Structures are given as structure tokens and as C-alpha cells.
């Protein structure tokens, strides 16, 4: 069984910064932590940023130039560095991982940006 543990959420003011971390534990053979999603109240979960199998990062247009995703070589840990945060970034952020075709989600970490 795989567990994804997220940390780093919190409340910041408009323009502030936060870095989220996600670490996989348990039976991690073949695991790939590969992305961050977020879900705001009343909205669907959306992809924020991801890392491809060959290590290339991509991000949603709404966060380009402000958020940076990175991961360790073992693909057990993934980070999301967020700068110039805006109120519309307020959401619960979820880590995403894949292992042998099975998808895993973290428990979510709240990010609140106040104006």
C-alpha cells in the first residue's frame, strides 16, 4: 500500500509564496509522484503542474511563470514552489502518483491566499 503525505500549505497574503511537499511511503517500488492538482470550493479538480516520465515539467497556463514543480530522482518526492500567489489560487492542493497503472492521491493540503 502507498501513502502520499503532503505538507507546506497555509495562509498567505496576495503576492506571497509557499512550497508544497509530497512524499510517498509504504510499498514504493515503481511509484512515480508526478503531479499536483487543486480543487477550489464548487469547482472541479484541475491539474496545476506535472512531471513527465522523462522528467519534463509542465504547468497550467494560470500558474505559468509563478509555480515550479520538481521531483527527486527516485520519484518518491515532488515539490511545488508557488510564488506571487493570488486569491484565485486558494484551493486544496493534492499530490498525484501512479504505480503500475494505479493512481494514488494525497490527503490534500489547504492553500489560502488573502487579498
PDB file of N, CA and C in Angstrom:
ATOM      1  N   UNK A   1       0.847  -1.185   0.000  1.00  0.00           N
ATOM      2  CA  UNK A   1       0.000   0.000   0.000  1.00  0.00           C
ATOM      3  C   UNK A   1       0.882   1.234   0.000  1.00  0.00           C
ATOM      4  N   UNK A   2       0.461   2.255  -0.746  1.00  0.00           N
ATOM      5  CA  UNK A   2       1.211   3.504  -0.856  1.00  0.00           C
ATOM      6  C   UNK A   2       0.480   4.611  -0.116  1.00  0.00           C
ATOM      7  N   UNK A   3       1.252   5.425   0.558  1.00  0.00           N
ATOM      8  CA  UNK A   3       0.690   6.602   1.217  1.00  0.00           C
ATOM      9  C   UNK A   3       1.438   7.827   0.713  1.00  0.00           C
ATOM     10  N   UNK A   4       0.685   8.876   0.385  1.00  0.00           N
ATOM     11  CA  UNK A   4       1.263  10.151  -0.022  1.00  0.00           C
ATOM     12  C   UNK A   4       0.978  11.175   1.069  1.00  0.00           C
ATOM     13  N   UNK A   5       2.028  11.761   1.587  1.00  0.00           N
ATOM     14  CA  UNK A   5       1.878  12.731   2.673  1.00  0.00           C
ATOM     15  C   UNK A   5       2.305  14.100   2.183  1.00  0.00           C
ATOM     16  N   UNK A   6       1.380  15.045   2.231  1.00  0.00           N
ATOM     17  CA  UNK A   6       1.649  16.402   1.787  1.00  0.00           C
ATOM     18  C   UNK A   6       1.891  17.312   2.968  1.00  0.00           C
ATOM     19  N   UNK A   7       2.662  18.362   2.713  1.00  0.00           N
ATOM     20  CA  UNK A   7       2.883  19.378   3.732  1.00  0.00           C
ATOM     21  C   UNK A   7       3.198  20.694   3.044  1.00  0.00           C
ATOM     22  N   UNK A   8       3.135  21.769   3.818  1.00  0.00           N
ATOM     23  CA  UNK A   8       3.534  23.066   3.295  1.00  0.00           C
ATOM     24  C   UNK A   8       2.410  24.025   3.008  1.00  0.00           C
ATOM     25  N   UNK A   9       1.176  23.589   3.131  1.00  0.00           N
ATOM     26  CA  UNK A   9       0.073  24.509   2.891  1.00  0.00           C
ATOM     27  C   UNK A   9      -0.036  25.535   4.008  1.00  0.00           C
ATOM     28  N   UNK A  10      -0.912  26.493   3.806  1.00  0.00           N
ATOM     29  CA  UNK A  10      -1.116  27.514   4.822  1.00  0.00           C
ATOM     30  C   UNK A  10      -1.813  28.715   4.244  1.00  0.00           C
ATOM     31  N   UNK A  11      -1.781  29.810   4.998  1.00  0.00           N
ATOM     32  CA  UNK A  11      -2.417  31.051   4.554  1.00  0.00           C
ATOM     33  C   UNK A  11      -1.367  32.123   4.359  1.00  0.00           C
ATOM     34  N   UNK A  12      -1.427  32.782   3.201  1.00  0.00           N
ATOM     35  CA  UNK A  12      -0.506  33.867   2.891  1.00  0.00           C
ATOM     36  C   UNK A  12      -1.303  35.015   2.287  1.00  0.00           C
ATOM     37  N   UNK A  13      -0.660  36.150   2.212  1.00  0.00           N
ATOM     38  CA  UNK A  13      -1.292  37.304   1.575  1.00  0.00           C
ATOM     39  C   UNK A  13      -0.994  37.314   0.087  1.00  0.00           C
ATOM     40  N   UNK A  14      -1.807  38.060  -0.624  1.00  0.00           N
ATOM     41  CA  UNK A  14      -1.629  38.242  -2.059  1.00  0.00           C
ATOM     42  C   UNK A  14      -0.174  38.590  -2.354  1.00  0.00           C
ATOM     43  N   UNK A  15       0.451  37.847  -3.288  1.00  0.00           N
ATOM     44  CA  UNK A  15       1.845  38.078  -3.625  1.00  0.00           C
ATOM     45  C   UNK A  15       2.831  37.231  -2.842  1.00  0.00           C
ATOM     46  N   UNK A  16       2.339  36.474  -1.891  1.00  0.00           N
ATOM     47  CA  UNK A  16       3.212  35.661  -1.056  1.00  0.00           C
ATOM     48  C   UNK A  16       3.652  34.373  -1.740  1.00  0.00           C
ATOM     49  N   UNK A  17       4.415  33.576  -0.989  1.00  0.00           N
ATOM     50  CA  UNK A  17       4.981  32.337  -1.531  1.00  0.00           C
ATOM     51  C   UNK A  17       4.781  31.186  -0.553  1.00  0.00           C
ATOM     52  N   UNK A  18       4.677  30.000  -1.117  1.00  0.00           N
ATOM     53  CA  UNK A  18       4.622  28.771  -0.342  1.00  0.00           C
ATOM     54  C   UNK A  18       5.268  27.663  -1.162  1.00  0.00           C
ATOM     55  N   UNK A  19       5.803  26.672  -0.479  1.00  0.00           N
ATOM     56  CA  UNK A  19       6.308  25.485  -1.157  1.00  0.00           C
ATOM     57  C   UNK A  19       5.628  24.255  -0.569  1.00  0.00           C
ATOM     58  N   UNK A  20       4.987  23.480  -1.427  1.00  0.00           N
ATOM     59  CA  UNK A  20       4.332  22.249  -1.015  1.00  0.00           C
ATOM     60  C   UNK A  20       5.266  21.059  -1.252  1.00  0.00           C
ATOM     61  N   UNK A  21       5.187  20.091  -0.353  1.00  0.00           N
ATOM     62  CA  UNK A  21       5.966  18.861  -0.495  1.00  0.00           C
ATOM     63  C   UNK A  21       5.036  17.666  -0.436  1.00  0.00           C
ATOM     64  N   UNK A  22       5.418  16.627  -1.146  1.00  0.00           N
ATOM     65  CA  UNK A  22       4.647  15.372  -1.128  1.00  0.00           C
ATOM     66  C   UNK A  22       5.645  14.227  -1.127  1.00  0.00           C
ATOM     67  N   UNK A  23       5.530  13.362  -0.132  1.00  0.00           N
ATOM     68  CA  UNK A  23       6.436  12.230  -0.015  1.00  0.00           C
ATOM     69  C   UNK A  23       5.650  10.926  -0.025  1.00  0.00           C
ATOM     70  N   UNK A  24       6.119   9.996  -0.833  1.00  0.00           N
ATOM     71  CA  UNK A  24       5.487   8.673  -0.899  1.00  0.00           C
ATOM     72  C   UNK A  24       6.158   7.737   0.102  1.00  0.00           C
ATOM     73  N   UNK A  25       5.349   6.927   0.764  1.00  0.00           N
ATOM     74  CA  UNK A  25       5.876   5.925   1.691  1.00  0.00           C
ATOM     75  C   UNK A  25       5.078   4.636   1.540  1.00  0.00           C
ATOM     76  N   UNK A  26       5.582   3.582   2.180  1.00  0.00           N
ATOM     77  CA  UNK A  26       4.926   2.284   2.059  1.00  0.00           C
ATOM     78  C   UNK A  26       5.623   1.442   1.002  1.00  0.00           C
ATOM     79  N   UNK A  27       4.848   0.710   0.225  1.00  0.00           N
ATOM     80  CA  UNK A  27       5.409  -0.123  -0.833  1.00  0.00           C
ATOM     81  C   UNK A  27       5.585   0.762  -2.060  1.00  0.00           C
ATOM     82  N   UNK A  28       6.782   1.320  -2.214  1.00  0.00           N
ATOM     83  CA  UNK A  28       7.008   2.363  -3.220  1.00  0.00           C
ATOM     84  C   UNK A  28       7.717   1.875  -4.467  1.00  0.00           C
ATOM     85  N   UNK A  29       7.906   0.590  -4.629  1.00  0.00           N
ATOM     86  CA  UNK A  29       8.558   0.083  -5.841  1.00  0.00           C
ATOM     87  C   UNK A  29       7.723   0.475  -7.053  1.00  0.00           C
ATOM     88  N   UNK A  30       8.359   1.142  -7.990  1.00  0.00           N
ATOM     89  CA  UNK A  30       7.667   1.530  -9.216  1.00  0.00           C
ATOM     90  C   UNK A  30       6.794   2.751  -9.110  1.00  0.00           C
ATOM     91  N   UNK A  31       6.788   3.403  -7.958  1.00  0.00           N
ATOM     92  CA  UNK A  31       5.926   4.584  -7.792  1.00  0.00           C
ATOM     93  C   UNK A  31       6.530   5.760  -8.540  1.00  0.00           C
ATOM     94  N   UNK A  32       5.660   6.605  -9.046  1.00  0.00           N
ATOM     95  CA  UNK A  32       6.085   7.864  -9.642  1.00  0.00           C
ATOM     96  C   UNK A  32       5.169   8.960  -9.122  1.00  0.00           C
ATOM     97  N   UNK A  33       5.734   9.815  -8.271  1.00  0.00           N
ATOM     98  CA  UNK A  33       4.970  11.005  -7.883  1.00  0.00           C
ATOM     99  C   UNK A  33       5.133  11.983  -9.030  1.00  0.00           C
ATOM    100  N   UNK A  34       4.029  12.388  -9.646  1.00  0.00           N
ATOM    101  CA  UNK A  34       4.184  13.094 -10.913  1.00  0.00           C
ATOM    102  C   UNK A  34       3.352  14.346 -11.074  1.00  0.00           C
ATOM    103  N   UNK A  35       2.637  14.778 -10.058  1.00  0.00           N
ATOM    104  CA  UNK A  35       1.869  15.984 -10.312  1.00  0.00           C
ATOM    105  C   UNK A  35       1.155  16.548  -9.104  1.00  0.00           C
ATOM    106  N   UNK A  36       0.689  17.768  -9.285  1.00  0.00           N
ATOM    107  CA  UNK A  36      -0.124  18.467  -8.303  1.00  0.00           C
ATOM    108  C   UNK A  36      -1.419  18.914  -8.964  1.00  0.00           C
ATOM    109  N   UNK A  37      -2.507  18.695  -8.263  1.00  0.00           N
ATOM    110  CA  UNK A  37      -3.822  19.154  -8.684  1.00  0.00           C
ATOM    111  C   UNK A  37      -4.379  20.054  -7.587  1.00  0.00           C
ATOM    112  N   UNK A  38      -5.420  20.797  -7.914  1.00  0.00           N
ATOM    113  CA  UNK A  38      -6.073  21.597  -6.886  1.00  0.00           C
ATOM    114  C   UNK A  38      -7.575  21.623  -7.125  1.00  0.00           C
ATOM    115  N   UNK A  39      -8.302  21.838  -6.041  1.00  0.00           N
ATOM    116  CA  UNK A  39      -9.747  21.922  -6.133  1.00  0.00           C
ATOM    117  C   UNK A  39     -10.239  23.055  -5.249  1.00  0.00           C
ATOM    118  N   UNK A  40     -10.843  24.040  -5.882  1.00  0.00           N
ATOM    119  CA  UNK A  40     -11.423  25.167  -5.159  1.00  0.00           C
ATOM    120  C   UNK A  40     -12.886  24.843  -4.845  1.00  0.00           C
ATOM    121  N   UNK A  41     -13.467  25.488  -3.840  1.00  0.00           N
ATOM    122  CA  UNK A  41     -14.868  25.215  -3.484  1.00  0.00           C
ATOM    123  C   UNK A  41     -15.802  25.406  -4.669  1.00  0.00           C
ATOM    124  N   UNK A  42     -16.625  24.410  -4.928  1.00  0.00           N
ATOM    125  CA  UNK A  42     -17.596  24.488  -6.007  1.00  0.00           C
ATOM    126  C   UNK A  42     -17.029  24.259  -7.394  1.00  0.00           C
ATOM    127  N   UNK A  43     -15.744  23.918  -7.467  1.00  0.00           N
ATOM    128  CA  UNK A  43     -15.116  23.707  -8.782  1.00  0.00           C
ATOM    129  C   UNK A  43     -14.560  22.290  -8.875  1.00  0.00           C
ATOM    130  N   UNK A  44     -14.299  21.883 -10.103  1.00  0.00           N
ATOM    131  CA  UNK A  44     -13.708  20.569 -10.323  1.00  0.00           C
ATOM    132  C   UNK A  44     -12.217  20.591 -10.036  1.00  0.00           C
ATOM    133  N   UNK A  45     -11.695  19.421  -9.710  1.00  0.00           N
ATOM    134  CA  UNK A  45     -10.251  19.313  -9.502  1.00  0.00           C
ATOM    135  C   UNK A  45      -9.557  19.554 -10.834  1.00  0.00           C
ATOM    136  N   UNK A  46      -8.477  20.331 -10.802  1.00  0.00           N
ATOM    137  CA  UNK A  46      -7.749  20.660 -12.021  1.00  0.00           C
ATOM    138  C   UNK A  46      -6.266  20.426 -11.851  1.00  0.00           C
ATOM    139  N   UNK A  47      -5.622  20.111 -12.974  1.00  0.00           N
ATOM    140  CA  UNK A  47      -4.181  19.906 -12.965  1.00  0.00           C
ATOM    141  C   UNK A  47      -3.472  21.248 -12.829  1.00  0.00           C
ATOM    142  N   UNK A  48      -2.517  21.305 -11.922  1.00  0.00           N
ATOM    143  CA  UNK A  48      -1.720  22.513 -11.736  1.00  0.00           C
ATOM    144  C   UNK A  48      -0.381  22.368 -12.443  1.00  0.00           C
ATOM    145  N   UNK A  49       0.309  21.269 -12.175  1.00  0.00           N
ATOM    146  CA  UNK A  49       1.621  21.052 -12.776  1.00  0.00           C
ATOM    147  C   UNK A  49       1.940  19.564 -12.711  1.00  0.00           C
ATOM    148  N   UNK A  50       2.787  19.112 -13.643  1.00  0.00           N
ATOM    149  CA  UNK A  50       3.126  17.697 -13.681  1.00  0.00           C
ATOM    150  C   UNK A  50       4.535  17.506 -14.217  1.00  0.00           C
ATOM    151  N   UNK A  51       5.067  16.330 -13.974  1.00  0.00           N
ATOM    152  CA  UNK A  51       6.375  15.939 -14.493  1.00  0.00           C
ATOM    153  C   UNK A  51       6.167  14.703 -15.355  1.00  0.00           C
ATOM    154  N   UNK A  52       6.671  14.746 -16.584  1.00  0.00           N
ATOM    155  CA  UNK A  52       6.502  13.613 -17.489  1.00  0.00           C
ATOM    156  C   UNK A  52       7.445  12.481 -17.102  1.00  0.00           C
ATOM    157  N   UNK A  53       7.278  11.341 -17.764  1.00  0.00           N
ATOM    158  CA  UNK A  53       8.126  10.185 -17.476  1.00  0.00           C
ATOM    159  C   UNK A  53       9.611  10.478 -17.719  1.00  0.00           C
ATOM    160  N   UNK A  54       9.885  11.374 -18.665  1.00  0.00           N
ATOM    161  CA  UNK A  54      11.291  11.708 -18.917  1.00  0.00           C
ATOM    162  C   UNK A  54      11.733  12.954 -18.149  1.00  0.00           C
ATOM    163  N   UNK A  55      10.908  13.335 -17.163  1.00  0.00           N
ATOM    164  CA  UNK A  55      11.327  14.404 -16.262  1.00  0.00           C
ATOM    165  C   UNK A  55      11.006  15.823 -16.692  1.00  0.00           C
ATOM    166  N   UNK A  56      10.238  15.992 -17.745  1.00  0.00           N
ATOM    167  CA  UNK A  56       9.921  17.339 -18.210  1.00  0.00           C
ATOM    168  C   UNK A  56       8.729  17.913 -17.451  1.00  0.00           C
ATOM    169  N   UNK A  57       8.890  19.112 -16.890  1.00  0.00           N
ATOM    170  CA  UNK A  57       7.784  19.727 -16.158  1.00  0.00           C
ATOM    171  C   UNK A  57       6.846  20.498 -17.072  1.00  0.00           C
ATOM    172  N   UNK A  58       5.588  20.472 -16.755  1.00  0.00           N
ATOM    173  CA  UNK A  58       4.605  21.302 -17.438  1.00  0.00           C
ATOM    174  C   UNK A  58       3.701  21.908 -16.388  1.00  0.00           C
ATOM    175  N   UNK A  59       3.062  23.008 -16.735  1.00  0.00           N
ATOM    176  CA  UNK A  59       2.160  23.648 -15.788  1.00  0.00           C
ATOM    177  C   UNK A  59       0.983  24.266 -16.517  1.00  0.00           C
ATOM    178  N   UNK A  60      -0.090  24.467 -15.780  1.00  0.00           N
ATOM    179  CA  UNK A  60      -1.275  25.096 -16.349  1.00  0.00           C
ATOM    180  C   UNK A  60      -0.975  26.547 -16.692  1.00  0.00           C
ATOM    181  N   UNK A  61      -1.676  27.065 -17.684  1.00  0.00           N
ATOM    182  CA  UNK A  61      -1.457  28.450 -18.106  1.00  0.00           C
ATOM    183  C   UNK A  61      -1.669  29.424 -16.954  1.00  0.00           C
ATOM    184  N   UNK A  62      -2.602  29.110 -16.069  1.00  0.00           N
ATOM    185  CA  UNK A  62      -2.945  30.023 -14.981  1.00  0.00           C
ATOM    186  C   UNK A  62      -1.821  30.194 -13.964  1.00  0.00           C
ATOM    187  N   UNK A  63      -0.867  29.269 -13.948  1.00  0.00           N
ATOM    188  CA  UNK A  63       0.209  29.356 -12.960  1.00  0.00           C
ATOM    189  C   UNK A  63       1.585  29.476 -13.605  1.00  0.00           C
ATOM    190  N   UNK A  64       1.638  29.491 -14.928  1.00  0.00           N
ATOM    191  CA  UNK A  64       2.929  29.582 -15.632  1.00  0.00           C
ATOM    192  C   UNK A  64       3.679  30.823 -15.190  1.00  0.00           C
ATOM    193  N   UNK A  65       4.965  30.612 -14.942  1.00  0.00           N
ATOM    194  CA  UNK A  65       5.800  31.735 -14.521  1.00  0.00           C
ATOM    195  C   UNK A  65       5.728  32.007 -13.032  1.00  0.00           C
ATOM    196  N   UNK A  66       4.796  31.374 -12.334  1.00  0.00           N
ATOM    197  CA  UNK A  66       4.661  31.585 -10.883  1.00  0.00           C
ATOM    198  C   UNK A  66       4.909  30.304 -10.087  1.00  0.00           C
ATOM    199  N   UNK A  67       4.501  29.164 -10.615  1.00  0.00           N
ATOM    200  CA  UNK A  67       4.654  27.882  -9.920  1.00  0.00           C
ATOM    201  C   UNK A  67       5.707  27.033 -10.625  1.00  0.00           C
ATOM    202  N   UNK A  68       6.490  26.300  -9.839  1.00  0.00           N
ATOM    203  CA  UNK A  68       7.504  25.405 -10.383  1.00  0.00           C
ATOM    204  C   UNK A  68       7.389  24.051  -9.712  1.00  0.00           C
ATOM    205  N   UNK A  69       7.275  23.008 -10.519  1.00  0.00           N
ATOM    206  CA  UNK A  69       7.227  21.648  -9.987  1.00  0.00           C
ATOM    207  C   UNK A  69       8.605  21.020 -10.137  1.00  0.00           C
ATOM    208  N   UNK A  70       8.984  20.228  -9.147  1.00  0.00           N
ATOM    209  CA  UNK A  70      10.244  19.497  -9.214  1.00  0.00           C
ATOM    210  C   UNK A  70      10.098  18.198  -8.436  1.00  0.00           C
ATOM    211  N   UNK A  71      10.980  17.259  -8.717  1.00  0.00           N
ATOM    212  CA  UNK A  71      10.924  15.979  -8.033  1.00  0.00           C
ATOM    213  C   UNK A  71      12.309  15.395  -7.856  1.00  0.00           C
ATOM    214  N   UNK A  72      12.419  14.446  -6.938  1.00  0.00           N
ATOM    215  CA  UNK A  72      13.715  13.800  -6.756  1.00  0.00           C
ATOM    216  C   UNK A  72      13.898  12.710  -7.805  1.00  0.00           C
ATOM    217  N   UNK A  73      15.122  12.231  -7.947  1.00  0.00           N
ATOM    218  CA  UNK A  73      15.422  11.243  -8.988  1.00  0.00           C
ATOM    219  C   UNK A  73      14.664   9.934  -8.786  1.00  0.00           C
ATOM    220  N   UNK A  74      14.391   9.594  -7.541  1.00  0.00           N
ATOM    221  CA  UNK A  74      13.689   8.342  -7.253  1.00  0.00           C
ATOM    222  C   UNK A  74      12.186   8.455  -7.489  1.00  0.00           C
ATOM    223  N   UNK A  75      11.723   9.663  -7.766  1.00  0.00           N
ATOM    224  CA  UNK A  75      10.290   9.943  -7.985  1.00  0.00           C
ATOM    225  C   UNK A  75       9.445   9.597  -6.758  1.00  0.00           C
ATOM    226  N   UNK A  76      10.069   9.688  -5.590  1.00  0.00           N
ATOM    227  CA  UNK A  76       9.332   9.454  -4.341  1.00  0.00           C
ATOM    228  C   UNK A  76       8.809  10.743  -3.737  1.00  0.00           C
ATOM    229  N   UNK A  77       9.414  11.847  -4.127  1.00  0.00           N
ATOM    230  CA  UNK A  77       9.035  13.136  -3.553  1.00  0.00           C
ATOM    231  C   UNK A  77       8.835  14.133  -4.684  1.00  0.00           C
ATOM    232  N   UNK A  78       7.822  14.952  -4.546  1.00  0.00           N
ATOM    233  CA  UNK A  78       7.577  16.010  -5.522  1.00  0.00           C
ATOM    234  C   UNK A  78       7.243  17.290  -4.759  1.00  0.00           C
ATOM    235  N   UNK A  79       7.739  18.395  -5.273  1.00  0.00           N
ATOM    236  CA  UNK A  79       7.521  19.691  -4.653  1.00  0.00           C
ATOM    237  C   UNK A  79       6.792  20.620  -5.623  1.00  0.00           C
ATOM    238  N   UNK A  80       6.125  21.584  -5.060  1.00  0.00           N
ATOM    239  CA  UNK A  80       5.511  22.637  -5.857  1.00  0.00           C
ATOM    240  C   UNK A  80       5.865  23.967  -5.216  1.00  0.00           C
ATOM    241  N   UNK A  81       6.753  24.693  -5.868  1.00  0.00           N
ATOM    242  CA  UNK A  81       7.127  26.009  -5.381  1.00  0.00           C
ATOM    243  C   UNK A  81       6.169  27.025  -5.987  1.00  0.00           C
ATOM    244  N   UNK A  82       5.508  27.781  -5.135  1.00  0.00           N
ATOM    245  CA  UNK A  82       4.496  28.737  -5.585  1.00  0.00           C
ATOM    246  C   UNK A  82       4.910  30.135  -5.170  1.00  0.00           C
ATOM    247  N   UNK A  83       5.009  31.015  -6.139  1.00  0.00           N
ATOM    248  CA  UNK A  83       5.352  32.415  -5.872  1.00  0.00           C
ATOM    249  C   UNK A  83       4.265  33.313  -6.439  1.00  0.00           C
ATOM    250  N   UNK A  84       4.290  34.575  -6.012  1.00  0.00           N
ATOM    251  CA  UNK A  84       3.305  35.560  -6.466  1.00  0.00           C
ATOM    252  C   UNK A  84       1.883  34.984  -6.400  1.00  0.00           C
ATOM    253  N   UNK A  85       1.559  34.411  -5.265  1.00  0.00           N
ATOM    254  CA  UNK A  85       0.248  33.784  -5.099  1.00  0.00           C
ATOM    255  C   UNK A  85      -0.864  34.818  -5.169  1.00  0.00           C
ATOM    256  N   UNK A  86      -1.994  34.401  -5.734  1.00  0.00           N
ATOM    257  CA  UNK A  86      -3.152  35.258  -5.902  1.00  0.00           C
ATOM    258  C   UNK A  86      -4.358  34.642  -5.196  1.00  0.00           C
ATOM    259  N   UNK A  87      -5.336  35.439  -4.848  1.00  0.00           N
ATOM    260  CA  UNK A  87      -6.530  34.887  -4.182  1.00  0.00           C
ATOM    261  C   UNK A  87      -7.167  33.741  -4.965  1.00  0.00           C
ATOM    262  N   UNK A  88      -7.105  33.798  -6.285  1.00  0.00           N
ATOM    263  CA  UNK A  88      -7.711  32.727  -7.092  1.00  0.00           C
ATOM    264  C   UNK A  88      -6.929  31.416  -7.024  1.00  0.00           C
ATOM    265  N   UNK A  89      -5.767  31.429  -6.384  1.00  0.00           N
ATOM    266  CA  UNK A  89      -5.019  30.185  -6.163  1.00  0.00           C
ATOM    267  C   UNK A  89      -5.528  29.443  -4.926  1.00  0.00           C
ATOM    268  N   UNK A  90      -6.418  30.051  -4.181  1.00  0.00           N
ATOM    269  CA  UNK A  90      -6.964  29.408  -2.984  1.00  0.00           C
ATOM    270  C   UNK A  90      -7.676  28.116  -3.349  1.00  0.00           C
ATOM    271  N   UNK A  91      -7.249  27.027  -2.730  1.00  0.00           N
ATOM    272  CA  UNK A  91      -7.799  25.705  -3.045  1.00  0.00           C
ATOM    273  C   UNK A  91      -7.156  24.673  -2.127  1.00  0.00           C
ATOM    274  N   UNK A  92      -7.678  23.466  -2.197  1.00  0.00           N
ATOM    275  CA  UNK A  92      -6.994  22.328  -1.590  1.00  0.00           C
ATOM    276  C   UNK A  92      -6.117  21.712  -2.679  1.00  0.00           C
ATOM    277  N   UNK A  93      -4.851  21.547  -2.363  1.00  0.00           N
ATOM    278  CA  UNK A  93      -3.884  21.030  -3.319  1.00  0.00           C
ATOM    279  C   UNK A  93      -3.613  19.553  -3.014  1.00  0.00           C
ATOM    280  N   UNK A  94      -3.629  18.746  -4.085  1.00  0.00           N
ATOM    281  CA  UNK A  94      -3.469  17.300  -3.956  1.00  0.00           C
ATOM    282  C   UNK A  94      -2.269  16.818  -4.767  1.00  0.00           C
ATOM    283  N   UNK A  95      -1.509  15.956  -4.137  1.00  0.00           N
ATOM    284  CA  UNK A  95      -0.410  15.290  -4.814  1.00  0.00           C
ATOM    285  C   UNK A  95      -0.953  14.071  -5.560  1.00  0.00           C
ATOM    286  N   UNK A  96      -0.356  13.753  -6.699  1.00  0.00           N
ATOM    287  CA  UNK A  96      -0.796  12.642  -7.557  1.00  0.00           C
ATOM    288  C   UNK A  96       0.386  11.728  -7.833  1.00  0.00           C
ATOM    289  N   UNK A  97       0.140  10.429  -7.791  1.00  0.00           N
ATOM    290  CA  UNK A  97       1.191   9.455  -8.100  1.00  0.00           C
ATOM    291  C   UNK A  97       0.576   8.261  -8.813  1.00  0.00           C
ATOM    292  N   UNK A  98       1.433   7.562  -9.546  1.00  0.00           N
ATOM    293  CA  UNK A  98       0.995   6.376 -10.279  1.00  0.00           C
ATOM    294  C   UNK A  98       1.943   5.229  -9.961  1.00  0.00           C
ATOM    295  N   UNK A  99       1.359   4.055  -9.784  1.00  0.00           N
ATOM    296  CA  UNK A  99       2.164   2.856  -9.549  1.00  0.00           C
ATOM    297  C   UNK A  99       1.481   1.697 -10.267  1.00  0.00           C
ATOM    298  N   UNK A 100       2.160   1.144 -11.263  1.00  0.00           N
ATOM    299  CA  UNK A 100       1.616   0.015 -12.014  1.00  0.00           C
ATOM    300  C   UNK A 100       0.196   0.290 -12.513  1.00  0.00           C
ATOM    301  N   UNK A 101      -0.006   1.499 -12.990  1.00  0.00           N
ATOM    302  CA  UNK A 101      -1.298   1.867 -13.544  1.00  0.00           C
ATOM    303  C   UNK A 101      -2.340   2.284 -12.528  1.00  0.00           C
ATOM    304  N   UNK A 102      -2.016   2.196 -11.259  1.00  0.00           N
ATOM    305  CA  UNK A 102      -2.968   2.585 -10.217  1.00  0.00           C
ATOM    306  C   UNK A 102      -2.634   4.010  -9.768  1.00  0.00           C
ATOM    307  N   UNK A 103      -3.675   4.802  -9.589  1.00  0.00           N
ATOM    308  CA  UNK A 103      -3.494   6.200  -9.200  1.00  0.00           C
ATOM    309  C   UNK A 103      -3.664   6.359  -7.693  1.00  0.00           C
ATOM    310  N   UNK A 104      -2.800   7.166  -7.131  1.00  0.00           N
ATOM    311  CA  UNK A 104      -2.877   7.490  -5.708  1.00  0.00           C
ATOM    312  C   UNK A 104      -2.975   9.001  -5.539  1.00  0.00           C
ATOM    313  N   UNK A 105      -3.701   9.421  -4.506  1.00  0.00           N
ATOM    314  CA  UNK A 105      -3.852  10.832  -4.170  1.00  0.00           C
ATOM    315  C   UNK A 105      -3.412  11.057  -2.732  1.00  0.00           C
ATOM    316  N   UNK A 106      -2.835  12.227  -2.500  1.00  0.00           N
ATOM    317  CA  UNK A 106      -2.582  12.628  -1.132  1.00  0.00           C
ATOM    318  C   UNK A 106      -3.870  13.077  -0.472  1.00  0.00           C
ATOM    319  N   UNK A 107      -3.770  13.395   0.817  1.00  0.00           N
ATOM    320  CA  UNK A 107      -4.969  13.774   1.573  1.00  0.00           C
ATOM    321  C   UNK A 107      -5.391  15.218   1.306  1.00  0.00           C
ATOM    322  N   UNK A 108      -4.507  15.974   0.678  1.00  0.00           N
ATOM    323  CA  UNK A 108      -4.820  17.363   0.364  1.00  0.00           C
ATOM    324  C   UNK A 108      -4.258  18.307   1.413  1.00  0.00           C
ATOM    325  N   UNK A 109      -3.802  19.464   0.959  1.00  0.00           N
ATOM    326  CA  UNK A 109      -3.325  20.499   1.858  1.00  0.00           C
ATOM    327  C   UNK A 109      -3.934  21.834   1.425  1.00  0.00           C
ATOM    328  N   UNK A 110      -4.459  22.563   2.387  1.00  0.00           N
ATOM    329  CA  UNK A 110      -5.174  23.811   2.084  1.00  0.00           C
ATOM    330  C   UNK A 110      -4.205  24.953   1.851  1.00  0.00           C
ATOM    331  N   UNK A 111      -4.411  25.677   0.768  1.00  0.00           N
ATOM    332  CA  UNK A 111      -3.690  26.910   0.485  1.00  0.00           C
ATOM    333  C   UNK A 111      -4.725  28.027   0.404  1.00  0.00           C
ATOM    334  N   UNK A 112      -4.536  29.031   1.229  1.00  0.00           N
ATOM    335  CA  UNK A 112      -5.457  30.170   1.244  1.00  0.00           C
ATOM    336  C   UNK A 112      -4.668  31.443   1.021  1.00  0.00           C
ATOM    337  N   UNK A 113      -5.081  32.212   0.025  1.00  0.00           N
ATOM    338  CA  UNK A 113      -4.418  33.471  -0.301  1.00  0.00           C
ATOM    339  C   UNK A 113      -5.413  34.594  -0.063  1.00  0.00           C
ATOM    340  N   UNK A 114      -5.069  35.477   0.852  1.00  0.00           N
ATOM    341  CA  UNK A 114      -5.970  36.577   1.192  1.00  0.00           C
ATOM    342  C   UNK A 114      -5.545  37.857   0.474  1.00  0.00           C
ATOM    343  N   UNK A 115      -6.546  38.659   0.118  1.00  0.00           N
ATOM    344  CA  UNK A 115      -6.252  39.896  -0.612  1.00  0.00           C
ATOM    345  C   UNK A 115      -6.036  41.052   0.344  1.00  0.00           C
TER     346      UNK A 115
END
